[in-house]
N, C-alpha and C. Protein backbone atom coordinates (compact mmCIF):
# COMPACT_ATOMS: atom_id res chain seq x y z
N UNK A 1 -74.39 -69.22 -133.38
CA UNK A 1 -73.49 -70.24 -133.89
C UNK A 1 -74.27 -71.23 -134.74
N UNK A 2 -73.74 -71.57 -135.89
CA UNK A 2 -74.37 -72.53 -136.78
C UNK A 2 -73.92 -73.92 -136.36
N UNK A 3 -74.90 -74.81 -136.24
CA UNK A 3 -74.58 -76.18 -135.82
C UNK A 3 -73.99 -76.95 -136.99
N UNK A 4 -72.86 -77.54 -136.77
CA UNK A 4 -72.24 -78.41 -137.77
C UNK A 4 -72.54 -79.84 -137.38
N UNK A 5 -72.35 -80.77 -138.29
CA UNK A 5 -72.59 -82.17 -137.93
C UNK A 5 -71.83 -82.59 -136.68
N UNK A 6 -70.63 -82.08 -136.50
CA UNK A 6 -69.82 -82.46 -135.34
C UNK A 6 -70.43 -81.89 -134.05
N UNK A 7 -70.81 -80.60 -134.06
CA UNK A 7 -71.37 -80.02 -132.84
C UNK A 7 -72.73 -80.61 -132.54
N UNK A 8 -73.52 -80.94 -133.57
CA UNK A 8 -74.82 -81.56 -133.34
C UNK A 8 -74.67 -82.91 -132.67
N UNK A 9 -73.71 -83.71 -133.16
CA UNK A 9 -73.48 -85.03 -132.56
C UNK A 9 -73.02 -84.90 -131.13
N UNK A 10 -72.14 -83.95 -130.86
CA UNK A 10 -71.66 -83.73 -129.50
C UNK A 10 -72.81 -83.39 -128.58
N UNK A 11 -73.67 -82.49 -129.05
CA UNK A 11 -74.79 -82.06 -128.22
C UNK A 11 -75.72 -83.24 -127.94
N UNK A 12 -75.96 -84.08 -128.96
CA UNK A 12 -76.83 -85.24 -128.76
C UNK A 12 -76.23 -86.19 -127.73
N UNK A 13 -74.95 -86.41 -127.78
CA UNK A 13 -74.31 -87.32 -126.83
C UNK A 13 -74.41 -86.77 -125.42
N UNK A 14 -74.29 -85.47 -125.27
CA UNK A 14 -74.36 -84.86 -123.95
C UNK A 14 -75.78 -84.92 -123.39
N UNK A 15 -76.79 -84.87 -124.27
CA UNK A 15 -78.17 -84.82 -123.82
C UNK A 15 -78.72 -86.18 -123.40
N UNK A 16 -78.06 -87.26 -123.77
CA UNK A 16 -78.53 -88.60 -123.41
C UNK A 16 -78.18 -88.83 -121.94
N UNK A 17 -79.21 -88.92 -121.13
CA UNK A 17 -78.99 -89.05 -119.69
C UNK A 17 -78.84 -90.51 -119.28
N UNK A 18 -78.27 -90.70 -118.12
CA UNK A 18 -78.05 -92.05 -117.59
C UNK A 18 -79.37 -92.77 -117.33
N UNK A 19 -80.38 -92.04 -116.84
CA UNK A 19 -81.66 -92.70 -116.57
C UNK A 19 -82.33 -93.16 -117.86
N UNK A 20 -82.14 -92.41 -118.94
CA UNK A 20 -82.65 -92.80 -120.25
C UNK A 20 -81.95 -94.08 -120.70
N UNK A 21 -80.64 -94.09 -120.61
CA UNK A 21 -79.87 -95.27 -121.03
C UNK A 21 -80.19 -96.49 -120.18
N UNK A 22 -80.43 -96.28 -118.90
CA UNK A 22 -80.79 -97.39 -118.02
C UNK A 22 -82.10 -98.03 -118.50
N UNK A 23 -83.06 -97.19 -118.87
CA UNK A 23 -84.33 -97.70 -119.38
C UNK A 23 -84.15 -98.43 -120.71
N UNK A 24 -83.29 -97.89 -121.58
CA UNK A 24 -83.01 -98.54 -122.87
C UNK A 24 -82.40 -99.91 -122.64
N UNK A 25 -81.54 -100.03 -121.64
CA UNK A 25 -80.94 -101.33 -121.33
C UNK A 25 -81.99 -102.31 -120.81
N UNK A 26 -82.94 -101.81 -120.04
CA UNK A 26 -84.01 -102.66 -119.50
C UNK A 26 -84.96 -103.13 -120.59
N UNK A 27 -85.34 -102.21 -121.46
CA UNK A 27 -86.27 -102.52 -122.54
C UNK A 27 -85.88 -101.66 -123.74
N UNK A 28 -85.11 -102.24 -124.67
CA UNK A 28 -84.62 -101.47 -125.81
C UNK A 28 -85.74 -100.84 -126.64
N UNK A 29 -85.44 -99.68 -127.18
CA UNK A 29 -86.40 -98.99 -128.05
C UNK A 29 -86.24 -99.54 -129.47
N UNK A 30 -87.17 -100.40 -129.84
CA UNK A 30 -87.18 -100.99 -131.17
C UNK A 30 -88.59 -101.46 -131.49
N UNK A 31 -88.80 -101.80 -132.72
CA UNK A 31 -90.11 -102.27 -133.15
C UNK A 31 -90.54 -103.47 -132.33
N UNK A 32 -91.77 -103.45 -131.86
CA UNK A 32 -92.31 -104.57 -131.08
C UNK A 32 -92.90 -105.57 -132.07
N UNK A 33 -92.44 -106.81 -131.96
CA UNK A 33 -92.82 -107.82 -132.95
C UNK A 33 -93.60 -109.00 -132.38
N UNK A 34 -93.72 -109.09 -131.06
CA UNK A 34 -94.39 -110.26 -130.48
C UNK A 34 -95.17 -109.86 -129.23
N UNK A 35 -96.01 -110.78 -128.79
CA UNK A 35 -96.76 -110.55 -127.55
C UNK A 35 -95.82 -110.41 -126.36
N UNK A 36 -94.73 -111.18 -126.36
CA UNK A 36 -93.76 -111.08 -125.27
C UNK A 36 -93.08 -109.72 -125.25
N UNK A 37 -92.69 -109.21 -126.43
CA UNK A 37 -92.11 -107.86 -126.51
C UNK A 37 -93.11 -106.83 -125.99
N UNK A 38 -94.37 -107.00 -126.39
CA UNK A 38 -95.42 -106.06 -125.97
C UNK A 38 -95.60 -106.10 -124.46
N UNK A 39 -95.64 -107.30 -123.90
CA UNK A 39 -95.82 -107.44 -122.45
C UNK A 39 -94.67 -106.78 -121.69
N UNK A 40 -93.44 -106.97 -122.18
CA UNK A 40 -92.28 -106.36 -121.53
C UNK A 40 -92.35 -104.83 -121.60
N UNK A 41 -92.73 -104.32 -122.75
CA UNK A 41 -92.85 -102.87 -122.90
C UNK A 41 -93.95 -102.31 -122.00
N UNK A 42 -95.05 -103.01 -121.91
CA UNK A 42 -96.16 -102.55 -121.07
C UNK A 42 -95.77 -102.56 -119.59
N UNK A 43 -94.98 -103.54 -119.20
CA UNK A 43 -94.53 -103.60 -117.81
C UNK A 43 -93.69 -102.36 -117.47
N UNK A 44 -92.80 -102.00 -118.39
CA UNK A 44 -91.96 -100.81 -118.18
C UNK A 44 -92.84 -99.56 -118.15
N UNK A 45 -93.74 -99.44 -119.12
CA UNK A 45 -94.61 -98.25 -119.16
C UNK A 45 -95.48 -98.15 -117.92
N UNK A 46 -96.01 -99.27 -117.45
CA UNK A 46 -96.85 -99.26 -116.24
C UNK A 46 -96.10 -98.69 -115.04
N UNK A 47 -94.80 -98.94 -114.99
CA UNK A 47 -94.01 -98.43 -113.89
C UNK A 47 -93.64 -96.96 -114.02
N UNK A 48 -93.83 -96.40 -115.21
CA UNK A 48 -93.41 -95.01 -115.44
C UNK A 48 -94.57 -94.04 -115.67
N UNK A 49 -95.56 -94.47 -116.40
CA UNK A 49 -96.66 -93.56 -116.75
C UNK A 49 -97.41 -93.13 -115.50
N UNK A 50 -97.67 -91.84 -115.44
CA UNK A 50 -98.41 -91.29 -114.31
C UNK A 50 -97.54 -90.75 -113.20
N UNK A 51 -96.27 -91.10 -113.23
CA UNK A 51 -95.35 -90.56 -112.21
C UNK A 51 -95.03 -89.11 -112.53
N UNK A 52 -94.94 -88.32 -111.50
CA UNK A 52 -94.65 -86.90 -111.69
C UNK A 52 -93.17 -86.57 -111.46
N UNK A 53 -92.39 -87.58 -111.09
CA UNK A 53 -90.99 -87.32 -110.77
C UNK A 53 -90.03 -87.77 -111.88
N UNK A 54 -90.53 -87.95 -113.08
CA UNK A 54 -89.68 -88.42 -114.17
C UNK A 54 -88.77 -87.31 -114.68
N UNK A 55 -87.55 -87.70 -115.00
CA UNK A 55 -86.59 -86.75 -115.58
C UNK A 55 -86.94 -86.54 -117.05
N UNK A 56 -86.27 -85.60 -117.66
CA UNK A 56 -86.50 -85.33 -119.07
C UNK A 56 -86.13 -86.56 -119.92
N UNK A 57 -85.06 -87.24 -119.55
CA UNK A 57 -84.65 -88.45 -120.26
C UNK A 57 -85.69 -89.55 -120.15
N UNK A 58 -86.24 -89.73 -118.96
CA UNK A 58 -87.27 -90.74 -118.76
C UNK A 58 -88.53 -90.39 -119.55
N UNK A 59 -88.88 -89.12 -119.58
CA UNK A 59 -90.05 -88.69 -120.35
C UNK A 59 -89.85 -88.96 -121.84
N UNK A 60 -88.65 -88.69 -122.34
CA UNK A 60 -88.33 -88.97 -123.74
C UNK A 60 -88.46 -90.46 -124.03
N UNK A 61 -87.97 -91.26 -123.11
CA UNK A 61 -88.03 -92.72 -123.27
C UNK A 61 -89.49 -93.19 -123.31
N UNK A 62 -90.29 -92.70 -122.36
CA UNK A 62 -91.71 -93.10 -122.30
C UNK A 62 -92.41 -92.73 -123.60
N UNK A 63 -92.14 -91.55 -124.10
CA UNK A 63 -92.77 -91.10 -125.34
C UNK A 63 -92.41 -92.04 -126.50
N UNK A 64 -91.14 -92.39 -126.61
CA UNK A 64 -90.69 -93.26 -127.69
C UNK A 64 -91.25 -94.67 -127.55
N UNK A 65 -91.20 -95.22 -126.34
CA UNK A 65 -91.71 -96.57 -126.13
C UNK A 65 -93.22 -96.63 -126.37
N UNK A 66 -93.93 -95.60 -125.94
CA UNK A 66 -95.38 -95.55 -126.17
C UNK A 66 -95.69 -95.54 -127.67
N UNK A 67 -94.85 -94.91 -128.44
CA UNK A 67 -95.03 -94.89 -129.90
C UNK A 67 -94.91 -96.31 -130.47
N UNK A 68 -93.88 -97.05 -130.05
CA UNK A 68 -93.71 -98.42 -130.51
C UNK A 68 -94.88 -99.32 -130.07
N UNK A 69 -95.34 -99.13 -128.85
CA UNK A 69 -96.49 -99.91 -128.35
C UNK A 69 -97.73 -99.60 -129.17
N UNK A 70 -97.99 -98.33 -129.42
CA UNK A 70 -99.18 -97.94 -130.20
C UNK A 70 -99.12 -98.53 -131.61
N UNK A 71 -97.96 -98.51 -132.24
CA UNK A 71 -97.81 -99.10 -133.57
C UNK A 71 -98.13 -100.59 -133.55
N UNK A 72 -97.60 -101.30 -132.55
CA UNK A 72 -97.84 -102.74 -132.44
C UNK A 72 -99.33 -103.02 -132.22
N UNK A 73 -99.94 -102.26 -131.32
CA UNK A 73 -101.36 -102.49 -131.02
C UNK A 73 -102.24 -102.18 -132.22
N UNK A 74 -101.91 -101.12 -132.96
CA UNK A 74 -102.68 -100.76 -134.15
C UNK A 74 -102.57 -101.87 -135.20
N UNK A 75 -101.36 -102.37 -135.42
CA UNK A 75 -101.17 -103.44 -136.40
C UNK A 75 -101.86 -104.73 -135.96
N UNK A 76 -101.80 -105.04 -134.68
CA UNK A 76 -102.47 -106.24 -134.16
C UNK A 76 -103.98 -106.14 -134.35
N UNK A 77 -104.53 -104.97 -134.07
CA UNK A 77 -105.97 -104.77 -134.24
C UNK A 77 -106.35 -104.88 -135.71
N UNK A 78 -105.58 -104.27 -136.58
CA UNK A 78 -105.87 -104.36 -138.01
C UNK A 78 -105.81 -105.80 -138.50
N UNK A 79 -104.84 -106.55 -138.03
CA UNK A 79 -104.72 -107.96 -138.41
C UNK A 79 -105.94 -108.73 -137.93
N UNK A 80 -106.34 -108.48 -136.70
CA UNK A 80 -107.51 -109.16 -136.14
C UNK A 80 -108.77 -108.80 -136.92
N UNK A 81 -108.94 -107.53 -137.24
CA UNK A 81 -110.13 -107.09 -137.97
C UNK A 81 -110.20 -107.70 -139.36
N UNK A 82 -109.04 -107.89 -140.01
CA UNK A 82 -109.02 -108.49 -141.35
C UNK A 82 -109.50 -109.94 -141.31
N UNK A 83 -109.40 -110.58 -140.15
CA UNK A 83 -109.80 -111.98 -140.02
C UNK A 83 -111.28 -112.14 -139.71
N UNK A 84 -111.96 -111.07 -139.35
CA UNK A 84 -113.36 -111.14 -138.97
C UNK A 84 -114.28 -111.13 -140.19
N UNK A 85 -115.36 -111.89 -140.08
CA UNK A 85 -116.40 -111.82 -141.10
C UNK A 85 -117.43 -110.78 -140.65
N UNK A 86 -118.27 -110.30 -141.56
CA UNK A 86 -119.31 -109.35 -141.15
C UNK A 86 -120.20 -109.89 -140.02
N UNK A 87 -120.52 -111.18 -140.06
CA UNK A 87 -121.35 -111.74 -138.98
C UNK A 87 -120.59 -111.76 -137.65
N UNK A 88 -119.27 -111.93 -137.68
CA UNK A 88 -118.46 -111.84 -136.46
C UNK A 88 -118.57 -110.43 -135.87
N UNK A 89 -118.50 -109.44 -136.75
CA UNK A 89 -118.59 -108.05 -136.30
C UNK A 89 -119.96 -107.80 -135.67
N UNK A 90 -121.01 -108.27 -136.31
CA UNK A 90 -122.37 -108.09 -135.78
C UNK A 90 -122.48 -108.75 -134.41
N UNK A 91 -121.99 -109.99 -134.29
CA UNK A 91 -122.04 -110.70 -133.00
C UNK A 91 -121.30 -109.92 -131.92
N UNK A 92 -120.13 -109.41 -132.24
CA UNK A 92 -119.36 -108.63 -131.27
C UNK A 92 -120.13 -107.39 -130.83
N UNK A 93 -120.70 -106.67 -131.78
CA UNK A 93 -121.45 -105.45 -131.45
C UNK A 93 -122.69 -105.78 -130.63
N UNK A 94 -123.33 -106.89 -130.95
CA UNK A 94 -124.49 -107.31 -130.16
C UNK A 94 -124.08 -107.58 -128.71
N UNK A 95 -123.01 -108.33 -128.53
CA UNK A 95 -122.53 -108.66 -127.19
C UNK A 95 -122.17 -107.39 -126.41
N UNK A 96 -121.47 -106.48 -127.09
CA UNK A 96 -121.04 -105.24 -126.43
C UNK A 96 -122.23 -104.37 -126.04
N UNK A 97 -123.36 -104.56 -126.72
CA UNK A 97 -124.55 -103.76 -126.44
C UNK A 97 -125.64 -104.55 -125.71
N UNK A 98 -125.29 -105.75 -125.24
CA UNK A 98 -126.24 -106.56 -124.47
C UNK A 98 -127.47 -106.96 -125.27
N UNK A 99 -127.28 -107.27 -126.53
CA UNK A 99 -128.41 -107.61 -127.41
C UNK A 99 -128.47 -109.11 -127.65
N UNK A 100 -129.67 -109.59 -127.94
CA UNK A 100 -129.86 -110.97 -128.35
C UNK A 100 -130.39 -110.98 -129.79
N UNK A 101 -130.68 -112.16 -130.32
CA UNK A 101 -131.13 -112.27 -131.70
C UNK A 101 -132.43 -111.53 -131.93
N UNK A 102 -133.33 -111.57 -130.96
CA UNK A 102 -134.60 -110.84 -131.11
C UNK A 102 -134.36 -109.34 -131.21
N UNK A 103 -133.44 -108.83 -130.40
CA UNK A 103 -133.11 -107.41 -130.46
C UNK A 103 -132.55 -107.04 -131.83
N UNK A 104 -131.68 -107.92 -132.35
CA UNK A 104 -131.12 -107.66 -133.67
C UNK A 104 -132.22 -107.72 -134.73
N UNK A 105 -133.16 -108.63 -134.54
CA UNK A 105 -134.30 -108.73 -135.46
C UNK A 105 -135.09 -107.44 -135.53
N UNK A 106 -135.23 -106.76 -134.40
CA UNK A 106 -135.94 -105.48 -134.40
C UNK A 106 -135.20 -104.44 -135.23
N UNK A 107 -133.88 -104.52 -135.24
CA UNK A 107 -133.07 -103.57 -136.01
C UNK A 107 -133.16 -103.90 -137.50
N UNK A 108 -133.05 -105.18 -137.83
CA UNK A 108 -132.97 -105.60 -139.23
C UNK A 108 -134.32 -105.78 -139.91
N UNK A 109 -135.35 -106.06 -139.12
CA UNK A 109 -136.66 -106.27 -139.72
C UNK A 109 -137.24 -107.65 -139.52
N UNK A 110 -136.69 -108.43 -138.62
CA UNK A 110 -137.24 -109.74 -138.31
C UNK A 110 -136.22 -110.65 -137.67
N UNK A 111 -136.72 -111.49 -136.74
CA UNK A 111 -135.83 -112.40 -136.03
C UNK A 111 -135.22 -113.43 -136.97
N UNK A 112 -136.01 -113.91 -137.94
CA UNK A 112 -135.51 -114.89 -138.91
C UNK A 112 -134.37 -114.32 -139.73
N UNK A 113 -134.53 -113.09 -140.16
CA UNK A 113 -133.48 -112.40 -140.92
C UNK A 113 -132.21 -112.27 -140.07
N UNK A 114 -132.40 -111.91 -138.81
CA UNK A 114 -131.27 -111.77 -137.90
C UNK A 114 -130.55 -113.11 -137.74
N UNK A 115 -131.30 -114.20 -137.60
CA UNK A 115 -130.70 -115.54 -137.47
C UNK A 115 -129.91 -115.91 -138.71
N UNK A 116 -130.45 -115.60 -139.88
CA UNK A 116 -129.75 -115.91 -141.14
C UNK A 116 -128.46 -115.12 -141.27
N UNK A 117 -128.48 -113.86 -140.86
CA UNK A 117 -127.28 -113.02 -140.91
C UNK A 117 -126.23 -113.57 -139.96
N UNK A 118 -126.64 -113.91 -138.75
CA UNK A 118 -125.70 -114.40 -137.75
C UNK A 118 -125.10 -115.76 -138.12
N UNK A 119 -125.88 -116.60 -138.79
CA UNK A 119 -125.37 -117.92 -139.18
C UNK A 119 -124.54 -117.86 -140.45
N UNK A 120 -124.58 -116.72 -141.13
CA UNK A 120 -123.82 -116.58 -142.37
C UNK A 120 -124.58 -117.06 -143.59
N UNK A 121 -125.85 -117.47 -143.41
CA UNK A 121 -126.66 -117.94 -144.53
C UNK A 121 -127.08 -116.78 -145.43
N UNK A 122 -127.10 -115.59 -144.86
CA UNK A 122 -127.49 -114.42 -145.62
C UNK A 122 -126.44 -113.33 -145.44
N UNK A 123 -126.03 -112.76 -146.53
CA UNK A 123 -125.07 -111.67 -146.49
C UNK A 123 -125.76 -110.37 -146.12
N UNK A 124 -124.95 -109.36 -145.94
CA UNK A 124 -125.49 -108.05 -145.57
C UNK A 124 -125.66 -107.19 -146.82
N UNK A 125 -126.90 -106.79 -147.05
CA UNK A 125 -127.19 -105.88 -148.16
C UNK A 125 -126.85 -104.46 -147.74
N UNK A 126 -126.90 -103.55 -148.70
CA UNK A 126 -126.64 -102.14 -148.39
C UNK A 126 -127.65 -101.64 -147.36
N UNK A 127 -128.89 -102.06 -147.49
CA UNK A 127 -129.93 -101.62 -146.55
C UNK A 127 -129.63 -102.12 -145.14
N UNK A 128 -129.24 -103.39 -145.02
CA UNK A 128 -128.94 -103.95 -143.70
C UNK A 128 -127.69 -103.28 -143.10
N UNK A 129 -126.70 -103.04 -143.94
CA UNK A 129 -125.49 -102.37 -143.47
C UNK A 129 -125.83 -100.98 -142.95
N UNK A 130 -126.69 -100.28 -143.67
CA UNK A 130 -127.10 -98.94 -143.25
C UNK A 130 -127.81 -99.00 -141.90
N UNK A 131 -128.70 -99.97 -141.72
CA UNK A 131 -129.42 -100.12 -140.44
C UNK A 131 -128.45 -100.43 -139.30
N UNK A 132 -127.52 -101.35 -139.56
CA UNK A 132 -126.56 -101.73 -138.53
C UNK A 132 -125.63 -100.57 -138.17
N UNK A 133 -125.14 -99.87 -139.16
CA UNK A 133 -124.22 -98.76 -138.87
C UNK A 133 -124.93 -97.65 -138.11
N UNK A 134 -126.21 -97.41 -138.42
CA UNK A 134 -126.97 -96.40 -137.65
C UNK A 134 -127.19 -96.87 -136.21
N UNK A 135 -127.59 -98.12 -136.05
CA UNK A 135 -127.91 -98.64 -134.72
C UNK A 135 -126.67 -98.65 -133.81
N UNK A 136 -125.54 -99.10 -134.37
CA UNK A 136 -124.34 -99.23 -133.54
C UNK A 136 -123.41 -98.02 -133.64
N UNK A 137 -123.79 -97.07 -134.46
CA UNK A 137 -123.01 -95.83 -134.64
C UNK A 137 -121.56 -96.13 -135.03
N UNK A 138 -121.43 -96.95 -136.07
CA UNK A 138 -120.10 -97.30 -136.59
C UNK A 138 -120.07 -97.03 -138.09
N UNK A 139 -118.87 -96.99 -138.64
CA UNK A 139 -118.68 -96.79 -140.06
C UNK A 139 -119.24 -97.99 -140.82
N UNK A 140 -120.03 -97.78 -141.86
CA UNK A 140 -120.59 -98.91 -142.62
C UNK A 140 -119.54 -99.86 -143.19
N UNK A 141 -118.34 -99.37 -143.47
CA UNK A 141 -117.30 -100.23 -144.04
C UNK A 141 -116.91 -101.37 -143.10
N UNK A 142 -117.23 -101.22 -141.83
CA UNK A 142 -116.93 -102.27 -140.86
C UNK A 142 -117.65 -103.58 -141.22
N UNK A 143 -118.76 -103.48 -141.94
CA UNK A 143 -119.57 -104.66 -142.26
C UNK A 143 -119.29 -105.22 -143.65
N UNK A 144 -118.37 -104.63 -144.37
CA UNK A 144 -118.07 -105.12 -145.72
C UNK A 144 -117.12 -106.30 -145.65
N UNK A 145 -117.39 -107.28 -146.45
CA UNK A 145 -116.53 -108.46 -146.50
C UNK A 145 -115.57 -108.25 -147.67
N UNK A 146 -114.31 -108.06 -147.32
CA UNK A 146 -113.32 -107.76 -148.35
C UNK A 146 -112.33 -108.90 -148.54
N UNK A 147 -112.56 -110.00 -147.89
CA UNK A 147 -111.70 -111.17 -148.04
C UNK A 147 -110.26 -110.86 -147.67
N UNK A 148 -109.34 -111.25 -148.54
CA UNK A 148 -107.91 -111.10 -148.27
C UNK A 148 -107.49 -109.63 -148.23
N UNK A 149 -108.24 -108.76 -148.90
CA UNK A 149 -107.89 -107.33 -148.90
C UNK A 149 -108.29 -106.63 -147.62
N UNK A 150 -109.13 -107.23 -146.84
CA UNK A 150 -109.65 -106.59 -145.63
C UNK A 150 -108.63 -106.49 -144.57
């Protein structure tokens, strides 16, 4: 049988389960725009993810909500990264790796140089970016200052 628009719509209406609709009423499936929306979505997901007794409708809901959460988190991270300066990135990587200024100096070629980079008095040259990206195993573009385009 060839599906017509009418039969397709009928089938879709029949496939929407009550447990799916109950979840939609609790936390609607829509673009997440705020921290409060994100917190509400995470609360719902925390109660569902990992359970082995979910119906097909609940699994569909979890998949869709997780997609909206991932989009929000990706956009939030990108926004945050655009606000960081290269020295902010270096400081974060140092902290994450338990490093101090002397440790960074060993990577860059001197403690004074490391201090100047961290204070923003000295920008990152291609050579310094190469050293940092090798040491922290990150993409060199992470250290580029792109201003408003970043």
